């Protein structure tokens, strides 16, 4: 295992252009492999012109075949998810590029450090105060933005119901997520990119209050495959900021627009057309989607 050369450390708050250049052009050094991932996920350092950062490298050669997605396309989908998120005007996906690496072409994404502290309080990204899971009666934290609540009662204030979950001992609890503006934006993004694997472990929070979603390899399918934990706003009107962002994205997906050109190199023409259709449908309905009933609504395991 080797280490990177010294240099100034970049983070998610650095200017997007400088981070993209570092990830795209820097020298990658593999530091180790992240265990428990279904595909090859390598923890790396990247160095370029005196700047350095930690990053994740997922080589295409390390992708496991899936029955419903073409082989060797997950890295491109991760980059496409970042492109779409940026077009919405939201910094919810860490800077992500497609490039050559030590084990061939793959996705390289900025590493996001997470504070080692107690579960986060719901509402932290919405500018509202609500009791944290650790201090709320009857709530058991599951990660930083999820909790288990009494199955016989409505979701507590500051939390949104996801569904019932079995707990050790044969009991049942209500799985809830924080009623958080950052999560709500991510729920909109997932509907746009047709994310079929939004688990709790794919939600990263930082010490300065940022929220990031990661692992967007199984996205952009032409069939409705939305599978997520973020169903708490299902059927409710989209916030004004989401409608504005969707309108901005719809314009950016026009023919011959730069975003369309970049996405055309990452997903198929049919997938690009389906993306446009999903954006148009969200704008027409003005509401968060609801589970279709034709596909499992919640990923397993959920966290």
C-alpha atoms as a PDB file:
ATOM      1  CA  UNK A   1       0.000   0.000   0.000  1.00  0.00           C
ATOM      2  CA  UNK A   2       1.454   3.370  -1.004  1.00  0.00           C
ATOM      3  CA  UNK A   3       0.714   6.934  -0.008  1.00  0.00           C
ATOM      4  CA  UNK A   4       0.250  10.066  -2.050  1.00  0.00           C
ATOM      5  CA  UNK A   5       2.721  12.861  -2.433  1.00  0.00           C
ATOM      6  CA  UNK A   6       2.283  15.853  -0.177  1.00  0.00           C
ATOM      7  CA  UNK A   7       0.224  18.826  -1.291  1.00  0.00           C
ATOM      8  CA  UNK A   8      -2.740  20.990  -0.361  1.00  0.00           C
ATOM      9  CA  UNK A   9      -5.848  18.972   0.520  1.00  0.00           C
ATOM     10  CA  UNK A  10      -9.078  19.619  -1.381  1.00  0.00           C
ATOM     11  CA  UNK A  11     -12.575  19.009  -0.066  1.00  0.00           C
ATOM     12  CA  UNK A  12     -16.159  19.070  -1.299  1.00  0.00           C
ATOM     13  CA  UNK A  13     -16.313  22.809  -0.610  1.00  0.00           C
ATOM     14  CA  UNK A  14     -13.502  23.635  -3.063  1.00  0.00           C
ATOM     15  CA  UNK A  15     -14.422  25.261  -6.423  1.00  0.00           C
ATOM     16  CA  UNK A  16     -15.993  22.663  -8.717  1.00  0.00           C
ATOM     17  CA  UNK A  17     -13.649  23.383 -11.629  1.00  0.00           C
ATOM     18  CA  UNK A  18     -10.509  22.900  -9.571  1.00  0.00           C
ATOM     19  CA  UNK A  19     -11.793  19.634  -8.114  1.00  0.00           C
ATOM     20  CA  UNK A  20     -12.804  18.316 -11.546  1.00  0.00           C
ATOM     21  CA  UNK A  21      -9.382  19.134 -12.984  1.00  0.00           C
ATOM     22  CA  UNK A  22      -7.655  17.411 -10.077  1.00  0.00           C
ATOM     23  CA  UNK A  23      -9.788  14.279 -10.403  1.00  0.00           C
ATOM     24  CA  UNK A  24      -9.462  14.183 -14.187  1.00  0.00           C
ATOM     25  CA  UNK A  25      -5.777  14.970 -14.603  1.00  0.00           C
ATOM     26  CA  UNK A  26      -4.121  14.008 -11.326  1.00  0.00           C
ATOM     27  CA  UNK A  27      -1.990  10.951 -10.664  1.00  0.00           C
ATOM     28  CA  UNK A  28      -4.003   8.245  -8.939  1.00  0.00           C
ATOM     29  CA  UNK A  29      -2.426   6.148  -6.197  1.00  0.00           C
ATOM     30  CA  UNK A  30      -4.421   3.232  -4.829  1.00  0.00           C
ATOM     31  CA  UNK A  31      -4.378   3.152  -1.025  1.00  0.00           C
ATOM     32  CA  UNK A  32      -6.662   0.197  -0.449  1.00  0.00           C
ATOM     33  CA  UNK A  33      -9.917  -1.511  -1.283  1.00  0.00           C
ATOM     34  CA  UNK A  34     -13.190  -0.667   0.437  1.00  0.00           C
ATOM     35  CA  UNK A  35     -14.661  -3.957   1.723  1.00  0.00           C
ATOM     36  CA  UNK A  36     -18.292  -5.068   1.634  1.00  0.00           C
ATOM     37  CA  UNK A  37     -18.944  -3.455  -1.761  1.00  0.00           C
ATOM     38  CA  UNK A  38     -20.527  -5.572  -4.485  1.00  0.00           C
ATOM     39  CA  UNK A  39     -18.204  -4.019  -7.100  1.00  0.00           C
ATOM     40  CA  UNK A  40     -14.532  -3.066  -6.890  1.00  0.00           C
ATOM     41  CA  UNK A  41     -14.283   0.202  -4.924  1.00  0.00           C
ATOM     42  CA  UNK A  42     -10.765   1.529  -4.377  1.00  0.00           C
ATOM     43  CA  UNK A  43      -9.739   4.245  -1.929  1.00  0.00           C
ATOM     44  CA  UNK A  44      -7.162   6.437  -3.670  1.00  0.00           C
ATOM     45  CA  UNK A  45      -5.173   9.626  -3.428  1.00  0.00           C
ATOM     46  CA  UNK A  46      -4.984  11.943  -6.428  1.00  0.00           C
ATOM     47  CA  UNK A  47      -2.248  14.567  -6.853  1.00  0.00           C
ATOM     48  CA  UNK A  48      -1.913  17.290  -9.481  1.00  0.00           C
ATOM     49  CA  UNK A  49       0.170  20.479  -9.508  1.00  0.00           C
ATOM     50  CA  UNK A  50       0.715  20.539  -5.765  1.00  0.00           C
ATOM     51  CA  UNK A  51      -2.905  19.755  -4.891  1.00  0.00           C
ATOM     52  CA  UNK A  52      -4.110  16.460  -3.488  1.00  0.00           C
ATOM     53  CA  UNK A  53      -7.354  14.857  -2.434  1.00  0.00           C
ATOM     54  CA  UNK A  54      -8.720  11.533  -1.328  1.00  0.00           C
ATOM     55  CA  UNK A  55     -11.044   9.898  -3.826  1.00  0.00           C
ATOM     56  CA  UNK A  56     -12.912   6.740  -4.782  1.00  0.00           C
ATOM     57  CA  UNK A  57     -12.003   4.863  -7.967  1.00  0.00           C
ATOM     58  CA  UNK A  58     -14.401   2.268  -9.368  1.00  0.00           C
ATOM     59  CA  UNK A  59     -12.825   0.565 -12.383  1.00  0.00           C
ATOM     60  CA  UNK A  60     -15.209  -0.735 -15.042  1.00  0.00           C
ATOM     61  CA  UNK A  61     -13.267  -4.020 -14.934  1.00  0.00           C
ATOM     62  CA  UNK A  62     -14.450  -4.496 -11.342  1.00  0.00           C
ATOM     63  CA  UNK A  63     -18.175  -4.162 -12.069  1.00  0.00           C
ATOM     64  CA  UNK A  64     -20.271  -7.258 -11.448  1.00  0.00           C
ATOM     65  CA  UNK A  65     -22.769  -8.152 -14.219  1.00  0.00           C
ATOM     66  CA  UNK A  66     -26.415  -7.235 -13.572  1.00  0.00           C
ATOM     67  CA  UNK A  67     -29.435  -8.815 -15.209  1.00  0.00           C
ATOM     68  CA  UNK A  68     -31.163  -5.505 -15.930  1.00  0.00           C
ATOM     69  CA  UNK A  69     -28.283  -3.147 -16.821  1.00  0.00           C
ATOM     70  CA  UNK A  70     -25.788  -3.494 -19.681  1.00  0.00           C
ATOM     71  CA  UNK A  71     -22.347  -4.720 -18.642  1.00  0.00           C
ATOM     72  CA  UNK A  72     -19.640  -2.137 -18.125  1.00  0.00           C
ATOM     73  CA  UNK A  73     -21.916   0.915 -17.869  1.00  0.00           C
ATOM     74  CA  UNK A  74     -22.160   1.646 -14.137  1.00  0.00           C
ATOM     75  CA  UNK A  75     -19.249   4.096 -14.076  1.00  0.00           C
ATOM     76  CA  UNK A  76     -20.802   6.160 -16.860  1.00  0.00           C
ATOM     77  CA  UNK A  77     -24.104   6.273 -14.975  1.00  0.00           C
ATOM     78  CA  UNK A  78     -22.366   7.596 -11.870  1.00  0.00           C
ATOM     79  CA  UNK A  79     -20.896  10.442 -13.919  1.00  0.00           C
ATOM     80  CA  UNK A  80     -24.253  11.101 -15.571  1.00  0.00           C
ATOM     81  CA  UNK A  81     -25.890  11.387 -12.130  1.00  0.00           C
ATOM     82  CA  UNK A  82     -23.389  14.074 -11.152  1.00  0.00           C
ATOM     83  CA  UNK A  83     -24.004  15.929 -14.417  1.00  0.00           C
ATOM     84  CA  UNK A  84     -27.775  15.943 -13.907  1.00  0.00           C
ATOM     85  CA  UNK A  85     -27.482  16.977 -10.271  1.00  0.00           C
ATOM     86  CA  UNK A  86     -25.241  19.909 -11.222  1.00  0.00           C
ATOM     87  CA  UNK A  87     -27.729  20.942 -13.915  1.00  0.00           C
ATOM     88  CA  UNK A  88     -30.444  21.032 -11.250  1.00  0.00           C
ATOM     89  CA  UNK A  89     -28.254  23.479  -9.362  1.00  0.00           C
ATOM     90  CA  UNK A  90     -27.722  21.173  -6.384  1.00  0.00           C
ATOM     91  CA  UNK A  91     -24.423  19.962  -4.906  1.00  0.00           C
ATOM     92  CA  UNK A  92     -25.742  16.614  -3.743  1.00  0.00           C
ATOM     93  CA  UNK A  93     -23.394  14.304  -5.665  1.00  0.00           C
ATOM     94  CA  UNK A  94     -19.644  14.622  -5.071  1.00  0.00           C
ATOM     95  CA  UNK A  95     -17.585  15.730  -8.093  1.00  0.00           C
ATOM     96  CA  UNK A  96     -17.322  12.683 -10.361  1.00  0.00           C
ATOM     97  CA  UNK A  97     -15.364  12.051 -13.566  1.00  0.00           C
ATOM     98  CA  UNK A  98     -14.720   9.222 -16.022  1.00  0.00           C
ATOM     99  CA  UNK A  99     -11.030   8.585 -16.652  1.00  0.00           C
ATOM    100  CA  UNK A 100      -8.256   6.052 -17.019  1.00  0.00           C
ATOM    101  CA  UNK A 101      -6.824   4.634 -13.820  1.00  0.00           C
ATOM    102  CA  UNK A 102      -4.376   1.972 -12.648  1.00  0.00           C
ATOM    103  CA  UNK A 103      -6.892  -0.761 -13.537  1.00  0.00           C
ATOM    104  CA  UNK A 104      -8.332   0.765 -16.682  1.00  0.00           C
ATOM    105  CA  UNK A 105     -11.184   3.201 -17.251  1.00  0.00           C
ATOM    106  CA  UNK A 106     -13.514   3.907 -14.392  1.00  0.00           C
ATOM    107  CA  UNK A 107     -15.317   6.427 -12.260  1.00  0.00           C
ATOM    108  CA  UNK A 108     -13.338   8.670  -9.918  1.00  0.00           C
ATOM    109  CA  UNK A 109     -15.244  10.611  -7.243  1.00  0.00           C
ATOM    110  CA  UNK A 110     -14.115  12.964  -4.506  1.00  0.00           C
ATOM    111  CA  UNK A 111     -13.943  11.276  -1.114  1.00  0.00           C
ATOM    112  CA  UNK A 112     -16.344  12.736   1.464  1.00  0.00           C
ATOM    113  CA  UNK A 113     -15.207  12.677   5.095  1.00  0.00           C
ATOM    114  CA  UNK A 114     -17.920  12.056   7.677  1.00  0.00           C
ATOM    115  CA  UNK A 115     -17.839  13.206  11.288  1.00  0.00           C
ATOM    116  CA  UNK A 116     -17.693  10.460  13.875  1.00  0.00           C
ATOM    117  CA  UNK A 117     -20.452  11.756  16.091  1.00  0.00           C
ATOM    118  CA  UNK A 118     -24.060  11.143  17.111  1.00  0.00           C
ATOM    119  CA  UNK A 119     -26.923  10.792  14.628  1.00  0.00           C
ATOM    120  CA  UNK A 120     -27.880  14.075  13.027  1.00  0.00           C
ATOM    121  CA  UNK A 121     -30.954  15.995  14.041  1.00  0.00           C
ATOM    122  CA  UNK A 122     -33.746  16.082  11.473  1.00  0.00           C
ATOM    123  CA  UNK A 123     -34.374  19.471   9.933  1.00  0.00           C
ATOM    124  CA  UNK A 124     -30.690  20.390  10.070  1.00  0.00           C
ATOM    125  CA  UNK A 125     -30.707  21.202   6.373  1.00  0.00           C
ATOM    126  CA  UNK A 126     -34.063  22.917   6.452  1.00  0.00           C
ATOM    127  CA  UNK A 127     -33.276  25.580   8.997  1.00  0.00           C
ATOM    128  CA  UNK A 128     -35.722  24.115  11.531  1.00  0.00           C
ATOM    129  CA  UNK A 129     -35.173  22.610  14.922  1.00  0.00           C
ATOM    130  CA  UNK A 130     -36.399  19.131  15.751  1.00  0.00           C
ATOM    131  CA  UNK A 131     -35.417  16.561  18.376  1.00  0.00           C
ATOM    132  CA  UNK A 132     -32.671  14.202  17.286  1.00  0.00           C
ATOM    133  CA  UNK A 133     -33.306  10.486  17.158  1.00  0.00           C
ATOM    134  CA  UNK A 134     -30.979   9.867  20.066  1.00  0.00           C
ATOM    135  CA  UNK A 135     -33.039  12.125  22.332  1.00  0.00           C
ATOM    136  CA  UNK A 136     -36.591  11.588  21.090  1.00  0.00           C
ATOM    137  CA  UNK A 137     -38.773   9.168  23.076  1.00  0.00           C
ATOM    138  CA  UNK A 138     -39.298   5.855  21.304  1.00  0.00           C
ATOM    139  CA  UNK A 139     -36.830   6.550  18.478  1.00  0.00           C
ATOM    140  CA  UNK A 140     -33.883   4.262  17.813  1.00  0.00           C
ATOM    141  CA  UNK A 141     -31.237   5.791  15.503  1.00  0.00           C
ATOM    142  CA  UNK A 142     -30.316   3.870  12.347  1.00  0.00           C
ATOM    143  CA  UNK A 143     -27.458   5.806  10.819  1.00  0.00           C
ATOM    144  CA  UNK A 144     -27.504   9.604  10.868  1.00  0.00           C
ATOM    145  CA  UNK A 145     -30.774  10.407   9.113  1.00  0.00           C
ATOM    146  CA  UNK A 146     -32.851   7.276   9.734  1.00  0.00           C
ATOM    147  CA  UNK A 147     -34.546   5.872  12.814  1.00  0.00           C
ATOM    148  CA  UNK A 148     -36.982   3.235  14.038  1.00  0.00           C
ATOM    149  CA  UNK A 149     -40.187   4.427  15.732  1.00  0.00           C
ATOM    150  CA  UNK A 150     -43.243   2.891  17.353  1.00  0.00           C
ATOM    151  CA  UNK A 151     -45.160   1.026  14.646  1.00  0.00           C
ATOM    152  CA  UNK A 152     -48.489   1.774  16.328  1.00  0.00           C
ATOM    153  CA  UNK A 153     -48.123   5.551  16.125  1.00  0.00           C
ATOM    154  CA  UNK A 154     -47.671   8.136  13.357  1.00  0.00           C
ATOM    155  CA  UNK A 155     -44.137   9.271  12.563  1.00  0.00           C
ATOM    156  CA  UNK A 156     -42.885  11.685  15.256  1.00  0.00           C
ATOM    157  CA  UNK A 157     -42.574  15.398  14.506  1.00  0.00           C
ATOM    158  CA  UNK A 158     -39.534  16.081  12.346  1.00  0.00           C
ATOM    159  CA  UNK A 159     -39.614  12.607  10.771  1.00  0.00           C
ATOM    160  CA  UNK A 160     -41.280  11.011   7.736  1.00  0.00           C
ATOM    161  CA  UNK A 161     -42.575   7.451   7.539  1.00  0.00           C
ATOM    162  CA  UNK A 162     -40.967   5.038   5.081  1.00  0.00           C
ATOM    163  CA  UNK A 163     -42.651   1.756   5.993  1.00  0.00           C
ATOM    164  CA  UNK A 164     -42.761  -1.075   8.503  1.00  0.00           C
ATOM    165  CA  UNK A 165     -39.616  -3.034   9.277  1.00  0.00           C
ATOM    166  CA  UNK A 166     -39.025  -6.258  11.188  1.00  0.00           C
ATOM    167  CA  UNK A 167     -36.724  -5.902  14.193  1.00  0.00           C
ATOM    168  CA  UNK A 168     -34.811  -8.522  16.203  1.00  0.00           C
ATOM    169  CA  UNK A 169     -37.091 -10.553  18.414  1.00  0.00           C
ATOM    170  CA  UNK A 170     -39.901 -10.770  15.885  1.00  0.00           C
ATOM    171  CA  UNK A 171     -41.338  -7.316  16.439  1.00  0.00           C
ATOM    172  CA  UNK A 172     -42.208  -4.571  13.949  1.00  0.00           C
ATOM    173  CA  UNK A 173     -41.123  -0.936  13.935  1.00  0.00           C
ATOM    174  CA  UNK A 174     -41.823   2.061  11.743  1.00  0.00           C
ATOM    175  CA  UNK A 175     -38.768   3.036   9.693  1.00  0.00           C
ATOM    176  CA  UNK A 176     -38.569   6.823   9.347  1.00  0.00           C
ATOM    177  CA  UNK A 177     -36.249   9.337   7.726  1.00  0.00           C
ATOM    178  CA  UNK A 178     -35.584  12.926   8.736  1.00  0.00           C
ATOM    179  CA  UNK A 179     -37.936  15.614   7.395  1.00  0.00           C
ATOM    180  CA  UNK A 180     -34.986  17.463   5.922  1.00  0.00           C
ATOM    181  CA  UNK A 181     -34.821  19.845   2.949  1.00  0.00           C
ATOM    182  CA  UNK A 182     -31.551  18.287   1.800  1.00  0.00           C
ATOM    183  CA  UNK A 183     -33.104  14.814   1.743  1.00  0.00           C
ATOM    184  CA  UNK A 184     -36.116  16.188  -0.111  1.00  0.00           C
ATOM    185  CA  UNK A 185     -33.887  17.528  -2.886  1.00  0.00           C
ATOM    186  CA  UNK A 186     -32.200  14.134  -3.047  1.00  0.00           C
ATOM    187  CA  UNK A 187     -35.610  12.457  -3.344  1.00  0.00           C
ATOM    188  CA  UNK A 188     -36.318  14.666  -6.374  1.00  0.00           C
ATOM    189  CA  UNK A 189     -32.931  13.831  -7.888  1.00  0.00           C
ATOM    190  CA  UNK A 190     -33.580  10.107  -7.411  1.00  0.00           C
ATOM    191  CA  UNK A 191     -36.918  10.424  -9.217  1.00  0.00           C
ATOM    192  CA  UNK A 192     -35.206  12.238 -12.083  1.00  0.00           C
ATOM    193  CA  UNK A 193     -32.378   9.736 -12.546  1.00  0.00           C
ATOM    194  CA  UNK A 194     -34.598   6.717 -11.739  1.00  0.00           C
ATOM    195  CA  UNK A 195     -32.360   5.537  -8.911  1.00  0.00           C
ATOM    196  CA  UNK A 196     -33.006   1.894  -8.087  1.00  0.00           C
ATOM    197  CA  UNK A 197     -30.767   1.695  -5.011  1.00  0.00           C
ATOM    198  CA  UNK A 198     -31.089   4.632  -2.581  1.00  0.00           C
ATOM    199  CA  UNK A 199     -30.047   2.975   0.683  1.00  0.00           C
ATOM    200  CA  UNK A 200     -29.306   4.630   3.999  1.00  0.00           C
ATOM    201  CA  UNK A 201     -25.625   3.835   3.614  1.00  0.00           C
ATOM    202  CA  UNK A 202     -25.557   5.960   0.462  1.00  0.00           C
ATOM    203  CA  UNK A 203     -26.284   9.127   2.459  1.00  0.00           C
ATOM    204  CA  UNK A 204     -23.185  10.994   3.637  1.00  0.00           C
ATOM    205  CA  UNK A 205     -23.221  14.051   5.868  1.00  0.00           C
ATOM    206  CA  UNK A 206     -20.314  16.356   6.676  1.00  0.00           C
ATOM    207  CA  UNK A 207     -19.324  18.381   9.702  1.00  0.00           C
ATOM    208  CA  UNK A 208     -20.313  21.632   7.938  1.00  0.00           C
ATOM    209  CA  UNK A 209     -23.880  20.462   7.272  1.00  0.00           C
ATOM    210  CA  UNK A 210     -23.599  19.205   3.701  1.00  0.00           C
ATOM    211  CA  UNK A 211     -25.426  16.113   2.496  1.00  0.00           C
ATOM    212  CA  UNK A 212     -24.194  13.942  -0.363  1.00  0.00           C
ATOM    213  CA  UNK A 213     -25.672  10.934  -2.100  1.00  0.00           C
ATOM    214  CA  UNK A 214     -23.314   8.315  -3.512  1.00  0.00           C
ATOM    215  CA  UNK A 215     -23.480   5.031  -5.463  1.00  0.00           C
ATOM    216  CA  UNK A 216     -25.479   5.984  -8.538  1.00  0.00           C
ATOM    217  CA  UNK A 217     -24.447   3.111 -10.799  1.00  0.00           C
ATOM    218  CA  UNK A 218     -27.943   1.629 -11.203  1.00  0.00           C
ATOM    219  CA  UNK A 219     -29.726   4.677 -12.575  1.00  0.00           C
ATOM    220  CA  UNK A 220     -31.199   6.008 -15.848  1.00  0.00           C
ATOM    221  CA  UNK A 221     -32.995   2.782 -16.791  1.00  0.00           C
ATOM    222  CA  UNK A 222     -35.828   3.215 -19.290  1.00  0.00           C
ATOM    223  CA  UNK A 223     -38.219   1.199 -17.075  1.00  0.00           C
ATOM    224  CA  UNK A 224     -39.584   2.614 -13.822  1.00  0.00           C
ATOM    225  CA  UNK A 225     -37.139   1.240 -11.244  1.00  0.00           C
ATOM    226  CA  UNK A 226     -37.280   3.894  -8.531  1.00  0.00           C
ATOM    227  CA  UNK A 227     -36.351   2.123  -5.313  1.00  0.00           C
ATOM    228  CA  UNK A 228     -35.497   4.324  -2.367  1.00  0.00           C
ATOM    229  CA  UNK A 229     -35.860   4.991   1.339  1.00  0.00           C
ATOM    230  CA  UNK A 230     -36.953   8.562   0.676  1.00  0.00           C
ATOM    231  CA  UNK A 231     -40.700   8.018   0.267  1.00  0.00           C
ATOM    232  CA  UNK A 232     -41.701  10.372   3.068  1.00  0.00           C
ATOM    233  CA  UNK A 233     -43.040  13.026   0.673  1.00  0.00           C
ATOM    234  CA  UNK A 234     -44.742  10.618  -1.773  1.00  0.00           C
ATOM    235  CA  UNK A 235     -47.737  12.258  -3.462  1.00  0.00           C
ATOM    236  CA  UNK A 236     -47.115  15.667  -1.880  1.00  0.00           C
ATOM    237  CA  UNK A 237     -46.626  18.854  -3.942  1.00  0.00           C
ATOM    238  CA  UNK A 238     -43.067  19.524  -5.017  1.00  0.00           C
ATOM    239  CA  UNK A 239     -41.483  22.566  -3.346  1.00  0.00           C
ATOM    240  CA  UNK A 240     -41.128  25.684  -5.485  1.00  0.00           C
ATOM    241  CA  UNK A 241     -37.344  25.326  -5.489  1.00  0.00           C
ATOM    242  CA  UNK A 242     -37.671  21.819  -6.933  1.00  0.00           C
ATOM    243  CA  UNK A 243     -39.999  23.001  -9.702  1.00  0.00           C
ATOM    244  CA  UNK A 244     -37.563  25.791 -10.554  1.00  0.00           C
ATOM    245  CA  UNK A 245     -34.675  23.330 -10.623  1.00  0.00           C
ATOM    246  CA  UNK A 246     -36.629  20.901 -12.824  1.00  0.00           C
ATOM    247  CA  UNK A 247     -37.451  23.690 -15.255  1.00  0.00           C
ATOM    248  CA  UNK A 248     -33.776  24.570 -15.426  1.00  0.00           C
ATOM    249  CA  UNK A 249     -32.895  20.928 -16.098  1.00  0.00           C
ATOM    250  CA  UNK A 250     -35.578  20.598 -18.790  1.00  0.00           C
ATOM    251  CA  UNK A 251     -34.055  23.552 -20.647  1.00  0.00           C
ATOM    252  CA  UNK A 252     -30.551  22.088 -20.303  1.00  0.00           C
ATOM    253  CA  UNK A 253     -31.772  18.799 -21.842  1.00  0.00           C
ATOM    254  CA  UNK A 254     -32.747  20.469 -25.095  1.00  0.00           C
ATOM    255  CA  UNK A 255     -31.276  19.320 -28.390  1.00  0.00           C
ATOM    256  CA  UNK A 256     -27.669  20.475 -28.957  1.00  0.00           C
ATOM    257  CA  UNK A 257     -27.363  21.768 -25.386  1.00  0.00           C
ATOM    258  CA  UNK A 258     -23.939  21.049 -23.762  1.00  0.00           C
ATOM    259  CA  UNK A 259     -25.485  18.847 -21.066  1.00  0.00           C
ATOM    260  CA  UNK A 260     -27.283  16.761 -23.688  1.00  0.00           C
ATOM    261  CA  UNK A 261     -24.022  16.262 -25.576  1.00  0.00           C
ATOM    262  CA  UNK A 262     -22.214  15.121 -22.438  1.00  0.00           C
ATOM    263  CA  UNK A 263     -25.005  12.768 -21.390  1.00  0.00           C
ATOM    264  CA  UNK A 264     -25.184  11.255 -24.879  1.00  0.00           C
ATOM    265  CA  UNK A 265     -21.682   9.888 -24.279  1.00  0.00           C
ATOM    266  CA  UNK A 266     -22.729   8.315 -20.972  1.00  0.00           C
ATOM    267  CA  UNK A 267     -26.207   6.793 -21.489  1.00  0.00           C
ATOM    268  CA  UNK A 268     -28.127   5.403 -24.451  1.00  0.00           C
ATOM    269  CA  UNK A 269     -30.456   7.499 -26.656  1.00  0.00           C
ATOM    270  CA  UNK A 270     -33.452   5.654 -25.175  1.00  0.00           C
ATOM    271  CA  UNK A 271     -32.249   6.390 -21.637  1.00  0.00           C
ATOM    272  CA  UNK A 272     -31.746  10.050 -22.486  1.00  0.00           C
ATOM    273  CA  UNK A 273     -35.270  10.227 -23.891  1.00  0.00           C
ATOM    274  CA  UNK A 274     -36.632   8.540 -20.750  1.00  0.00           C
ATOM    275  CA  UNK A 275     -34.797  11.104 -18.622  1.00  0.00           C
ATOM    276  CA  UNK A 276     -36.520  13.928 -20.495  1.00  0.00           C
ATOM    277  CA  UNK A 277     -39.865  12.164 -20.050  1.00  0.00           C
ATOM    278  CA  UNK A 278     -39.377  11.821 -16.282  1.00  0.00           C
ATOM    279  CA  UNK A 279     -38.517  15.509 -15.928  1.00  0.00           C
ATOM    280  CA  UNK A 280     -41.567  16.482 -17.988  1.00  0.00           C
ATOM    281  CA  UNK A 281     -43.803  14.185 -15.930  1.00  0.00           C
ATOM    282  CA  UNK A 282     -42.603  15.680 -12.644  1.00  0.00           C
ATOM    283  CA  UNK A 283     -43.227  19.193 -13.939  1.00  0.00           C
ATOM    284  CA  UNK A 284     -46.677  18.229 -15.227  1.00  0.00           C
ATOM    285  CA  UNK A 285     -47.804  16.539 -12.017  1.00  0.00           C
ATOM    286  CA  UNK A 286     -46.081  18.948  -9.666  1.00  0.00           C
ATOM    287  CA  UNK A 287     -45.870  16.189  -7.057  1.00  0.00           C
ATOM    288  CA  UNK A 288     -43.392  13.726  -5.645  1.00  0.00           C
ATOM    289  CA  UNK A 289     -43.839  10.288  -7.225  1.00  0.00           C
ATOM    290  CA  UNK A 290     -45.495   7.388  -5.420  1.00  0.00           C
ATOM    291  CA  UNK A 291     -44.425   3.727  -5.584  1.00  0.00           C
ATOM    292  CA  UNK A 292     -45.577   2.144  -8.831  1.00  0.00           C
ATOM    293  CA  UNK A 293     -46.434  -1.223  -7.307  1.00  0.00           C
ATOM    294  CA  UNK A 294     -44.625  -2.942 -10.189  1.00  0.00           C
ATOM    295  CA  UNK A 295     -41.196  -2.942  -8.559  1.00  0.00           C
ATOM    296  CA  UNK A 296     -40.028  -3.261  -4.923  1.00  0.00           C
ATOM    297  CA  UNK A 297     -40.260   0.274  -3.554  1.00  0.00           C
ATOM    298  CA  UNK A 298     -37.567  -0.062  -0.876  1.00  0.00           C
ATOM    299  CA  UNK A 299     -34.056  -1.476  -1.460  1.00  0.00           C
ATOM    300  CA  UNK A 300     -32.806  -4.439   0.540  1.00  0.00           C
ATOM    301  CA  UNK A 301     -31.018  -4.223   2.824  1.00  0.00           C
ATOM    302  CA  UNK A 302     -32.353  -0.688   3.403  1.00  0.00           C
ATOM    303  CA  UNK A 303     -29.259   0.582   5.232  1.00  0.00           C
END
